Protein backbone atom coordinates (compact mmCIF):
# COMPACT_ATOMS: atom_id res chain seq x y z
CA MET A 1 138.13 52.99 69.10
CA ARG A 2 141.45 53.23 67.31
CA GLY A 3 144.79 54.76 68.23
CA PHE A 4 145.71 57.26 70.90
CA ARG A 5 142.84 58.83 72.85
CA PHE A 6 143.52 62.20 74.43
CA VAL A 7 140.64 63.34 76.67
CA THR A 8 139.67 66.92 77.46
CA CYS A 9 137.66 67.21 80.65
CA LEU A 10 135.36 70.20 80.25
CA CYS A 11 134.42 72.08 83.42
CA LEU A 12 131.93 74.93 83.24
CA THR A 13 131.87 77.05 86.38
CA ARG A 14 130.05 80.19 87.47
CA ASN A 15 129.99 81.59 91.00
CA ARG A 16 130.88 78.26 92.60
CA ARG A 17 134.20 78.91 94.26
CA GLN A 18 133.38 76.46 97.03
CA TRP A 19 133.04 73.55 94.57
CA LEU A 20 135.79 74.11 92.00
CA PRO A 21 138.80 72.96 94.10
CA LYS A 22 137.22 69.52 94.56
CA ALA A 23 136.63 69.16 90.81
CA ILE A 24 140.28 70.03 90.16
CA GLU A 25 141.41 67.53 92.80
CA CYS A 26 139.28 64.79 91.20
CA PHE A 27 140.91 65.52 87.84
CA LEU A 28 144.44 65.39 89.20
CA ARG A 29 143.76 62.00 90.82
CA GLN A 30 142.68 60.32 87.56
CA THR A 31 144.59 57.14 86.71
CA TYR A 32 144.13 57.81 82.99
CA ARG A 33 146.82 60.40 82.21
CA PRO A 34 146.53 61.39 78.53
CA CYS A 35 144.03 64.11 79.45
CA ASP A 36 143.68 67.77 80.31
CA LEU A 37 141.19 69.92 82.20
CA MET A 38 139.72 73.00 80.53
CA ILE A 39 137.85 75.28 82.92
CA ILE A 40 135.42 77.69 81.27
CA ALA A 41 134.60 80.37 83.84
CA ASP A 42 132.30 83.35 84.00
CA GLY A 43 130.99 85.21 87.04
CA GLU A 44 133.34 85.68 89.99
CA ASP A 45 137.11 85.46 89.60
CA VAL A 46 138.54 81.96 90.21
CA ARG A 47 142.12 82.51 89.06
CA ASP A 48 143.45 82.04 92.59
CA LEU A 49 141.84 78.58 92.75
CA VAL A 50 143.36 77.20 89.55
CA PRO A 51 146.87 75.76 90.03
CA ALA A 52 149.68 76.35 87.56
CA HIS A 53 149.72 72.96 85.88
CA ASP A 54 150.57 71.90 82.34
CA ARG A 55 147.36 69.88 82.07
CA ILE A 56 144.98 72.53 83.43
CA SER A 57 143.83 75.66 81.59
CA LEU A 58 141.44 78.43 82.55
CA VAL A 59 139.41 80.29 79.94
CA GLU A 60 137.46 83.29 81.21
CA ILE A 61 134.40 84.40 79.24
CA GLN A 62 131.74 87.07 79.55
CA SER A 63 128.56 86.19 81.44
CA GLY A 64 125.23 85.90 79.68
CA PHE A 65 125.65 82.73 77.63
CA GLU A 66 123.47 79.65 78.16
CA ILE A 67 125.13 76.43 79.32
CA GLY A 68 124.59 74.82 75.90
CA SER A 69 126.48 77.65 74.22
CA LYS A 70 129.28 77.44 76.79
CA ARG A 71 129.59 73.69 76.21
CA ASN A 72 129.94 74.31 72.48
CA PHE A 73 132.54 77.00 73.13
CA GLY A 74 134.58 74.55 75.19
CA CYS A 75 134.17 71.62 72.81
CA GLU A 76 135.38 73.72 69.89
CA ARG A 77 138.59 74.57 71.75
CA ALA A 78 139.18 71.15 73.30
CA ARG A 79 142.55 69.54 72.53
CA GLY A 80 141.22 66.04 73.03
CA SER A 81 139.60 63.80 70.45
CA VAL A 82 137.36 62.73 73.36
CA ILE A 83 135.50 65.13 75.67
CA ALA A 84 134.30 64.34 79.18
CA HIS A 85 131.92 66.56 81.13
CA TRP A 86 133.48 67.58 84.43
CA ASP A 87 130.83 69.51 86.34
CA ASP A 88 132.28 71.64 89.11
CA ASP A 89 129.96 70.35 91.86
CA ASP A 90 130.21 66.58 91.27
CA TYR A 91 132.69 63.87 92.28
CA SER A 92 134.57 61.57 89.90
CA SER A 93 136.59 58.67 91.29
CA PRO A 94 140.21 58.19 90.12
CA GLY A 95 139.07 55.52 87.67
CA ARG A 96 136.25 57.41 85.96
CA ILE A 97 138.02 58.45 82.75
CA ALA A 98 139.71 55.07 82.41
CA ASP A 99 136.34 53.35 82.79
CA GLN A 100 134.65 55.48 80.16
CA ILE A 101 137.47 55.19 77.62
CA GLN A 102 137.50 51.41 78.08
CA ARG A 103 133.70 51.28 77.75
CA MET A 104 133.78 53.24 74.49
CA ALA A 105 136.50 50.93 73.17
CA ALA A 106 134.63 47.76 74.15
CA SER A 107 131.26 48.90 72.79
CA GLY A 108 132.53 50.68 69.67
CA LYS A 109 130.10 53.52 70.47
CA VAL A 110 130.99 57.20 70.41
CA VAL A 111 128.97 58.41 73.42
CA THR A 112 128.94 56.94 76.91
CA GLY A 113 127.65 57.99 80.29
CA TYR A 114 125.89 56.83 83.43
CA HIS A 115 122.11 56.49 83.53
CA SER A 116 121.93 55.88 87.29
CA MET A 117 123.89 57.67 89.99
CA ARG A 118 123.92 58.55 93.68
CA PHE A 119 123.25 62.14 94.78
CA THR A 120 123.86 63.75 98.15
CA ASP A 121 122.97 67.01 99.87
CA GLY A 122 125.61 66.39 102.51
CA ALA A 123 123.14 64.87 104.95
CA GLN A 124 121.23 62.25 102.95
CA TRP A 125 121.82 60.13 99.86
CA TRP A 126 119.43 59.48 96.97
CA LYS A 127 119.79 57.23 93.94
CA TYR A 128 118.60 58.41 90.54
CA GLU A 129 117.64 55.32 88.54
CA GLY A 130 117.45 55.81 84.79
CA THR A 131 117.42 53.43 81.83
CA ARG A 132 119.88 52.49 79.06
CA ASN A 133 118.41 55.02 76.61
CA TYR A 134 119.53 57.90 78.84
CA ALA A 135 122.70 59.28 80.39
CA LEU A 136 123.02 62.05 82.96
CA GLY A 137 124.58 65.14 81.43
CA THR A 138 127.25 65.45 84.11
CA SER A 139 128.51 61.95 83.20
CA LEU A 140 128.82 62.30 79.42
CA CYS A 141 132.00 61.29 77.58
CA TYR A 142 132.04 61.39 73.79
CA GLU A 143 134.01 61.73 70.60
CA LYS A 144 134.64 65.32 69.56
CA LEU A 145 133.74 64.34 66.00
CA TRP A 146 130.28 63.29 67.18
CA TRP A 147 129.82 66.65 68.90
CA LYS A 148 130.76 68.48 65.69
CA SER A 149 127.72 67.04 63.95
CA HIS A 150 125.53 67.19 67.08
CA PRO A 151 126.30 70.47 68.90
CA PHE A 152 124.39 71.35 72.03
CA PRO A 153 121.32 73.59 71.68
CA GLY A 154 121.67 77.03 73.22
CA LEU A 155 119.67 76.18 76.34
CA GLN A 156 120.32 76.88 80.01
CA ILE A 157 118.55 73.74 81.27
CA GLY A 158 118.30 70.38 79.52
CA GLU A 159 120.90 71.14 76.84
CA ASP A 160 122.18 67.58 77.01
CA ASN A 161 118.82 65.85 76.42
CA GLN A 162 118.81 66.31 72.62
CA PHE A 163 122.45 65.23 72.49
CA VAL A 164 121.72 61.97 74.35
CA THR A 165 118.50 61.31 72.40
CA ALA A 166 120.37 61.63 69.09
CA ALA A 167 123.09 59.25 70.26
CA TRP A 168 120.54 56.64 71.36
CA ALA A 169 118.60 56.96 68.09
CA ALA A 170 121.82 56.38 66.13
CA GLN A 171 122.70 53.37 68.34
CA GLN A 172 125.79 55.23 69.53
CA LEU A 173 125.05 55.46 73.27
CA GLU A 174 126.54 53.11 75.86
CA SER A 175 125.02 53.88 79.28
CA VAL A 176 125.45 52.03 82.59
CA ASP A 177 125.07 52.55 86.36
CA ALA A 178 127.81 54.78 87.77
CA GLY A 179 128.33 52.64 90.84
CA ASP A 180 131.17 54.19 92.84
CA LEU A 181 132.71 55.97 89.83
CA MET A 182 130.69 59.17 90.25
CA TYR A 183 128.26 60.90 92.52
CA ALA A 184 126.51 64.26 92.20
CA THR A 185 125.49 66.92 94.68
CA ILE A 186 122.20 68.57 95.51
CA HIS A 187 122.41 72.21 96.60
CA SER A 188 120.62 75.53 96.21
CA GLY A 189 122.79 76.50 93.24
CA ASN A 190 121.97 73.50 91.03
CA THR A 191 121.28 74.66 87.48
CA SER A 192 118.68 71.93 87.01
CA PRO A 193 116.42 71.41 90.07
CA ARG A 194 116.15 67.83 91.37
CA SER A 195 112.57 66.46 91.40
CA LEU A 196 113.13 64.08 94.30
CA ASN A 197 109.44 63.13 94.46
CA SER A 198 109.46 61.42 91.05
CA SER A 199 109.55 57.62 90.71
CA SER A 200 113.13 57.78 89.36
CA TRP A 201 114.50 58.84 92.76
CA LYS A 202 114.99 56.49 95.71
CA LEU A 203 116.17 57.47 99.17
CA CYS A 204 119.19 55.37 100.07
CA ALA A 205 119.10 53.50 103.37
């Protein structure tokens, strides 16, 4: 990693007014400051939830596009040379961006993420335990130049799988356990259903 790294945090949101304020709060608490938050919104109006801030922008689009297409739309318009996924219903600690930028610098790889992470439904906690050849889509952070040659497929579910597989095959993926840096939520509006009965999921004590 060379030179100045400006990060665009890319938040896709649709009909999740109850979640978006927390995602914005998590962004504003980041210790790594050369970054901005781009919110790509369709569905219900969220303009009243987005504060007037020089590092936050809201782009409203028509409904009907798959998540993969919306990710590409956001990546194309991102100011940053690095892009971090910032899902509206997940939590990022203040040190998340700093951790991922440092990890990319230390490894020399262009894609990083977390292969294992805690999830909660508000009552119980589970741990998803993956392996180093995988990274959860919500946790991805990558060079915009890598995305240009590896855009997301126009899929609604699983659009990040091909992206991660290509990075691993090219030896460009650095993936670790999220620890306390991130956790995700389980709710009825999840785009990708959680298969909690699979061997990858463990109920936390």
